[in-house]
């Protein structure tokens, strides 16, 4: 059975216990890398790594370049596939619209019939 330290690649250096909420106050600068020993236990590394805070422009530039690289890997459908899926979608929408219209009219007739029947009885 794995312990919490074995599941997480970093251990926080804070002295306060973690809260039960989903948000944590630990930042990358508060964390030290965990090294794995052969017995499976995690130990804190003696060397610390400095985390440099990137500027907004650098982060935005990285985001745009990574997004462009990811978009190059996307498998885009050709015109025939787009046309076929569009036709299938339109047919499905028309079918379900007709189905829901019929069901709605059926329930309307049933409720109006019961209303008329109850008005005659009372």
N, C-alpha and C. Protein backbone atom coordinates (compact mmCIF):
# COMPACT_ATOMS: atom_id res chain seq x y z
N UNK A 1 0.85 -1.17 0.00
CA UNK A 1 0.00 0.00 0.00
C UNK A 1 0.89 1.22 0.00
N UNK A 2 0.62 2.17 -0.87
CA UNK A 2 1.43 3.38 -1.01
C UNK A 2 1.03 4.41 0.02
N UNK A 3 2.04 5.13 0.51
CA UNK A 3 1.75 6.21 1.44
C UNK A 3 1.63 7.51 0.68
N UNK A 4 1.23 8.57 1.36
CA UNK A 4 1.04 9.86 0.72
C UNK A 4 2.34 10.37 0.12
N UNK A 5 3.47 10.18 0.81
CA UNK A 5 4.76 10.65 0.30
C UNK A 5 5.17 9.88 -0.95
N UNK A 6 4.76 8.64 -1.08
CA UNK A 6 5.13 7.85 -2.24
C UNK A 6 4.31 8.24 -3.46
N UNK A 7 3.10 8.75 -3.27
CA UNK A 7 2.24 9.11 -4.38
C UNK A 7 2.57 10.48 -4.96
N UNK A 8 3.10 11.39 -4.15
CA UNK A 8 3.35 12.74 -4.60
C UNK A 8 4.83 12.92 -4.90
N UNK A 9 5.17 13.61 -6.01
CA UNK A 9 6.57 13.80 -6.34
C UNK A 9 7.24 14.87 -5.48
N UNK A 10 6.49 15.70 -4.78
CA UNK A 10 7.06 16.75 -3.96
C UNK A 10 6.42 16.72 -2.58
N UNK A 11 7.19 17.13 -1.59
CA UNK A 11 6.72 17.21 -0.21
C UNK A 11 6.84 18.65 0.21
N UNK A 12 5.81 19.20 0.83
CA UNK A 12 5.87 20.60 1.24
C UNK A 12 6.74 20.75 2.47
N UNK A 13 7.36 21.94 2.61
CA UNK A 13 8.21 22.23 3.75
C UNK A 13 7.47 22.98 4.84
N UNK A 14 6.17 23.15 4.70
CA UNK A 14 5.42 23.91 5.68
C UNK A 14 5.29 23.11 6.97
N UNK A 15 5.18 23.84 8.10
CA UNK A 15 5.06 23.18 9.39
C UNK A 15 3.61 22.96 9.77
N UNK A 16 2.67 23.60 9.07
CA UNK A 16 1.27 23.42 9.37
C UNK A 16 0.74 22.20 8.63
N UNK A 17 -0.16 21.44 9.25
CA UNK A 17 -0.71 20.27 8.56
C UNK A 17 -1.60 20.71 7.42
N UNK A 18 -1.70 19.89 6.37
CA UNK A 18 -2.55 20.25 5.24
C UNK A 18 -4.01 20.27 5.66
N UNK A 19 -4.76 21.19 5.06
CA UNK A 19 -6.18 21.29 5.39
C UNK A 19 -6.96 20.31 4.55
N UNK A 20 -8.22 20.13 4.92
CA UNK A 20 -9.09 19.20 4.19
C UNK A 20 -9.63 19.80 2.91
N UNK A 21 -9.46 21.11 2.70
CA UNK A 21 -10.01 21.74 1.50
C UNK A 21 -9.18 21.38 0.29
N UNK A 22 -9.75 21.62 -0.89
CA UNK A 22 -9.09 21.28 -2.14
C UNK A 22 -7.93 22.22 -2.44
N UNK A 23 -7.96 23.47 -1.98
CA UNK A 23 -6.91 24.41 -2.30
C UNK A 23 -5.78 24.27 -1.29
N UNK A 24 -4.55 24.45 -1.77
CA UNK A 24 -3.40 24.41 -0.90
C UNK A 24 -2.67 25.72 -1.02
N UNK A 25 -1.97 26.08 0.04
CA UNK A 25 -1.23 27.32 0.02
C UNK A 25 0.22 27.10 -0.34
N UNK A 26 0.62 25.87 -0.63
CA UNK A 26 2.01 25.58 -0.96
C UNK A 26 2.33 26.09 -2.35
N UNK A 27 3.46 26.74 -2.47
CA UNK A 27 3.92 27.22 -3.76
C UNK A 27 5.11 26.39 -4.19
N UNK A 28 5.51 26.43 -5.46
CA UNK A 28 6.66 25.66 -5.89
C UNK A 28 7.93 25.97 -5.11
N UNK A 29 8.08 27.20 -4.61
CA UNK A 29 9.26 27.54 -3.84
C UNK A 29 9.27 26.85 -2.49
N UNK A 30 8.11 26.43 -1.96
CA UNK A 30 8.01 25.76 -0.67
C UNK A 30 8.25 24.26 -0.77
N UNK A 31 8.52 23.75 -1.94
CA UNK A 31 8.60 22.31 -2.13
C UNK A 31 10.02 21.88 -2.44
N UNK A 32 10.38 20.71 -1.96
CA UNK A 32 11.68 20.13 -2.30
C UNK A 32 11.45 18.82 -3.02
N UNK A 33 12.33 18.48 -3.98
CA UNK A 33 12.15 17.23 -4.72
C UNK A 33 12.31 16.02 -3.80
N UNK A 34 11.60 14.96 -4.11
CA UNK A 34 11.66 13.72 -3.35
C UNK A 34 12.45 12.71 -4.16
N UNK A 35 13.41 12.06 -3.52
CA UNK A 35 14.16 11.00 -4.19
C UNK A 35 13.62 9.67 -3.72
N UNK A 36 13.63 8.69 -4.59
CA UNK A 36 13.12 7.37 -4.25
C UNK A 36 14.28 6.44 -3.94
N UNK A 37 14.17 5.76 -2.84
CA UNK A 37 15.18 4.77 -2.52
C UNK A 37 14.72 3.41 -3.04
N UNK A 38 15.61 2.44 -2.97
CA UNK A 38 15.27 1.12 -3.51
C UNK A 38 14.18 0.44 -2.71
N UNK A 39 13.99 0.84 -1.45
CA UNK A 39 12.94 0.21 -0.66
C UNK A 39 11.57 0.84 -0.88
N UNK A 40 11.49 1.86 -1.75
CA UNK A 40 10.21 2.45 -2.09
C UNK A 40 9.84 3.64 -1.24
N UNK A 41 10.61 3.95 -0.19
CA UNK A 41 10.29 5.08 0.66
C UNK A 41 10.80 6.37 0.05
N UNK A 42 10.14 7.47 0.31
CA UNK A 42 10.56 8.76 -0.21
C UNK A 42 11.39 9.50 0.81
N UNK A 43 12.50 10.08 0.38
CA UNK A 43 13.34 10.88 1.26
C UNK A 43 13.55 12.23 0.60
N UNK A 44 13.66 13.27 1.44
CA UNK A 44 13.90 14.60 0.89
C UNK A 44 15.33 14.71 0.40
N UNK A 45 15.49 15.36 -0.73
CA UNK A 45 16.81 15.58 -1.30
C UNK A 45 17.51 16.68 -0.52
N UNK A 46 18.83 16.57 -0.33
CA UNK A 46 19.58 17.56 0.40
C UNK A 46 19.76 18.85 -0.41
N UNK A 47 19.85 18.73 -1.72
CA UNK A 47 20.03 19.94 -2.53
C UNK A 47 18.67 20.57 -2.81
N UNK A 48 18.64 21.88 -2.77
CA UNK A 48 17.42 22.61 -3.06
C UNK A 48 17.53 23.23 -4.43
N UNK A 49 16.42 23.34 -5.10
CA UNK A 49 16.41 23.96 -6.42
C UNK A 49 15.72 25.30 -6.31
N UNK A 50 16.27 26.28 -6.97
CA UNK A 50 15.64 27.59 -6.97
C UNK A 50 14.61 27.64 -8.07
N UNK A 51 13.44 28.14 -7.73
CA UNK A 51 12.38 28.29 -8.70
C UNK A 51 12.31 29.76 -9.06
N UNK A 52 12.55 30.06 -10.34
CA UNK A 52 12.52 31.44 -10.79
C UNK A 52 11.10 31.76 -11.24
N UNK A 53 10.58 32.88 -10.78
CA UNK A 53 9.24 33.31 -11.16
C UNK A 53 9.32 33.94 -12.54
N UNK A 54 8.63 33.34 -13.52
CA UNK A 54 8.63 33.85 -14.88
C UNK A 54 7.70 35.05 -14.98
N UNK A 55 8.05 36.00 -15.83
CA UNK A 55 7.22 37.18 -15.99
C UNK A 55 5.97 36.83 -16.80
N UNK A 56 5.02 37.74 -16.79
CA UNK A 56 3.77 37.53 -17.51
C UNK A 56 4.03 37.36 -19.00
N UNK A 57 4.94 38.16 -19.54
CA UNK A 57 5.24 38.08 -20.97
C UNK A 57 5.87 36.73 -21.32
N UNK A 58 6.78 36.25 -20.47
CA UNK A 58 7.42 34.95 -20.72
C UNK A 58 6.40 33.82 -20.65
N UNK A 59 5.53 33.88 -19.63
CA UNK A 59 4.51 32.83 -19.51
C UNK A 59 3.54 32.85 -20.67
N UNK A 60 3.15 34.05 -21.11
CA UNK A 60 2.24 34.16 -22.25
C UNK A 60 2.90 33.65 -23.52
N UNK A 61 4.16 34.00 -23.71
CA UNK A 61 4.91 33.53 -24.88
C UNK A 61 5.03 32.01 -24.88
N UNK A 62 5.34 31.43 -23.72
CA UNK A 62 5.42 29.97 -23.61
C UNK A 62 4.08 29.32 -23.91
N UNK A 63 3.00 29.92 -23.39
CA UNK A 63 1.67 29.37 -23.62
C UNK A 63 1.34 29.36 -25.11
N UNK A 64 1.60 30.48 -25.79
CA UNK A 64 1.29 30.59 -27.21
C UNK A 64 2.12 29.60 -28.02
N UNK A 65 3.41 29.49 -27.72
CA UNK A 65 4.26 28.56 -28.49
C UNK A 65 3.86 27.11 -28.24
N UNK A 66 3.52 26.76 -26.99
CA UNK A 66 3.08 25.39 -26.71
C UNK A 66 1.73 25.10 -27.36
N UNK A 67 0.85 26.09 -27.39
CA UNK A 67 -0.45 25.92 -28.04
C UNK A 67 -0.28 25.69 -29.53
N UNK A 68 0.60 26.47 -30.16
CA UNK A 68 0.86 26.30 -31.60
C UNK A 68 1.45 24.93 -31.89
N UNK A 69 2.37 24.47 -31.05
CA UNK A 69 2.97 23.15 -31.24
C UNK A 69 1.92 22.05 -31.09
N UNK A 70 1.03 22.21 -30.13
CA UNK A 70 -0.03 21.21 -29.93
C UNK A 70 -1.01 21.21 -31.10
N UNK A 71 -1.33 22.38 -31.63
CA UNK A 71 -2.27 22.47 -32.75
C UNK A 71 -1.70 21.84 -34.02
N UNK A 72 -0.38 21.82 -34.15
CA UNK A 72 0.23 21.14 -35.30
C UNK A 72 0.05 19.63 -35.22
N UNK A 73 -0.11 19.10 -34.01
CA UNK A 73 -0.27 17.65 -33.82
C UNK A 73 -1.72 17.18 -33.97
N UNK A 74 -2.66 18.12 -34.07
CA UNK A 74 -4.08 17.77 -34.14
C UNK A 74 -4.39 17.11 -35.48
N UNK A 75 -5.20 16.08 -35.44
CA UNK A 75 -5.65 15.41 -36.66
C UNK A 75 -6.95 16.07 -37.09
N UNK A 76 -6.89 16.90 -38.13
CA UNK A 76 -8.05 17.64 -38.59
C UNK A 76 -8.85 16.81 -39.58
N UNK A 77 -10.20 16.83 -39.50
CA UNK A 77 -11.01 16.06 -40.45
C UNK A 77 -11.01 16.72 -41.82
N UNK A 78 -11.18 15.90 -42.86
CA UNK A 78 -11.26 16.47 -44.20
C UNK A 78 -12.70 16.92 -44.47
N UNK A 79 -12.92 17.52 -45.63
CA UNK A 79 -14.23 18.11 -45.96
C UNK A 79 -15.33 17.05 -46.01
N UNK A 80 -15.01 15.85 -46.50
CA UNK A 80 -16.01 14.78 -46.58
C UNK A 80 -16.48 14.35 -45.20
N UNK A 81 -15.55 14.22 -44.26
CA UNK A 81 -15.91 13.82 -42.90
C UNK A 81 -16.78 14.90 -42.24
N UNK A 82 -16.43 16.15 -42.45
CA UNK A 82 -17.22 17.24 -41.86
C UNK A 82 -18.62 17.25 -42.44
N UNK A 83 -18.74 17.06 -43.76
CA UNK A 83 -20.05 17.04 -44.41
C UNK A 83 -20.90 15.88 -43.87
N UNK A 84 -20.30 14.69 -43.77
CA UNK A 84 -21.05 13.52 -43.30
C UNK A 84 -21.52 13.69 -41.86
N UNK A 85 -20.66 14.17 -40.99
CA UNK A 85 -21.08 14.33 -39.59
C UNK A 85 -22.11 15.45 -39.45
N UNK A 86 -22.03 16.48 -40.29
CA UNK A 86 -23.04 17.54 -40.26
C UNK A 86 -24.40 17.01 -40.68
N UNK A 87 -24.43 16.19 -41.72
CA UNK A 87 -25.70 15.60 -42.19
C UNK A 87 -26.28 14.69 -41.11
N UNK A 88 -25.44 13.87 -40.49
CA UNK A 88 -25.92 12.98 -39.43
C UNK A 88 -26.48 13.79 -38.26
N UNK A 89 -25.81 14.88 -37.90
CA UNK A 89 -26.28 15.73 -36.80
C UNK A 89 -27.63 16.36 -37.12
N UNK A 90 -27.80 16.86 -38.33
CA UNK A 90 -29.07 17.49 -38.73
C UNK A 90 -30.19 16.46 -38.71
N UNK A 91 -29.93 15.26 -39.23
CA UNK A 91 -30.95 14.20 -39.22
C UNK A 91 -31.32 13.84 -37.79
N UNK A 92 -30.34 13.71 -36.91
CA UNK A 92 -30.63 13.36 -35.51
C UNK A 92 -31.46 14.45 -34.83
N UNK A 93 -31.13 15.72 -35.09
CA UNK A 93 -31.88 16.82 -34.49
C UNK A 93 -33.33 16.80 -34.97
N UNK A 94 -33.55 16.60 -36.27
CA UNK A 94 -34.91 16.55 -36.81
C UNK A 94 -35.69 15.37 -36.24
N UNK A 95 -35.04 14.21 -36.12
CA UNK A 95 -35.70 13.03 -35.57
C UNK A 95 -36.15 13.28 -34.13
N UNK A 96 -35.23 13.80 -33.29
CA UNK A 96 -35.59 14.00 -31.90
C UNK A 96 -36.60 15.14 -31.73
N UNK A 97 -36.56 16.14 -32.61
CA UNK A 97 -37.57 17.20 -32.55
C UNK A 97 -38.95 16.63 -32.86
N UNK A 98 -39.05 15.78 -33.88
CA UNK A 98 -40.34 15.16 -34.23
C UNK A 98 -40.81 14.24 -33.10
N UNK A 99 -39.89 13.46 -32.55
CA UNK A 99 -40.22 12.53 -31.46
C UNK A 99 -40.76 13.30 -30.25
N UNK A 100 -40.06 14.36 -29.85
CA UNK A 100 -40.51 15.12 -28.69
C UNK A 100 -41.82 15.85 -28.96
N UNK A 101 -42.05 16.28 -30.20
CA UNK A 101 -43.32 16.89 -30.56
C UNK A 101 -44.46 15.90 -30.38
N UNK A 102 -44.28 14.67 -30.87
CA UNK A 102 -45.32 13.64 -30.75
C UNK A 102 -45.57 13.30 -29.29
N UNK A 103 -44.52 13.14 -28.51
CA UNK A 103 -44.68 12.81 -27.08
C UNK A 103 -45.39 13.96 -26.36
N UNK A 104 -45.01 15.19 -26.66
CA UNK A 104 -45.64 16.35 -26.03
C UNK A 104 -47.11 16.43 -26.38
N UNK A 105 -47.46 16.25 -27.65
CA UNK A 105 -48.86 16.27 -28.06
C UNK A 105 -49.64 15.13 -27.38
N UNK A 106 -49.01 13.97 -27.26
CA UNK A 106 -49.68 12.84 -26.59
C UNK A 106 -49.99 13.15 -25.14
N UNK A 107 -49.02 13.67 -24.42
CA UNK A 107 -49.25 14.02 -23.02
C UNK A 107 -50.28 15.14 -22.90
N UNK A 108 -50.26 16.10 -23.83
CA UNK A 108 -51.26 17.18 -23.80
C UNK A 108 -52.66 16.62 -23.96
N UNK A 109 -52.85 15.70 -24.91
CA UNK A 109 -54.17 15.10 -25.11
C UNK A 109 -54.61 14.29 -23.89
N UNK A 110 -53.68 13.56 -23.29
CA UNK A 110 -54.03 12.76 -22.10
C UNK A 110 -54.44 13.68 -20.95
N UNK A 111 -53.69 14.74 -20.70
CA UNK A 111 -54.00 15.64 -19.59
C UNK A 111 -55.31 16.39 -19.85
N UNK A 112 -55.55 16.83 -21.09
CA UNK A 112 -56.81 17.51 -21.40
C UNK A 112 -57.99 16.55 -21.26
N UNK A 113 -57.82 15.29 -21.66
CA UNK A 113 -58.88 14.30 -21.49
C UNK A 113 -59.19 14.05 -20.04
N UNK A 114 -58.16 13.93 -19.19
CA UNK A 114 -58.39 13.72 -17.77
C UNK A 114 -59.04 14.96 -17.14
N UNK A 115 -58.63 16.14 -17.57
CA UNK A 115 -59.22 17.38 -17.04
C UNK A 115 -60.71 17.45 -17.39
N UNK A 116 -61.07 17.14 -18.62
CA UNK A 116 -62.49 17.14 -19.04
C UNK A 116 -63.27 16.10 -18.27
N UNK A 117 -62.70 14.91 -18.08
CA UNK A 117 -63.38 13.86 -17.36
C UNK A 117 -63.63 14.26 -15.90
N UNK A 118 -62.61 14.86 -15.25
CA UNK A 118 -62.78 15.29 -13.87
C UNK A 118 -63.78 16.45 -13.74
N UNK A 119 -63.82 17.33 -14.74
CA UNK A 119 -64.76 18.45 -14.67
C UNK A 119 -66.20 17.96 -14.81
N UNK A 120 -66.43 16.88 -15.56
CA UNK A 120 -67.78 16.34 -15.68
C UNK A 120 -68.21 15.60 -14.42
N UNK A 121 -67.26 14.94 -13.77
CA UNK A 121 -67.58 14.17 -12.58
C UNK A 121 -67.87 15.10 -11.40
N UNK A 122 -67.13 16.13 -11.24
CA UNK A 122 -67.27 17.03 -10.09
C UNK A 122 -68.30 18.04 -10.38
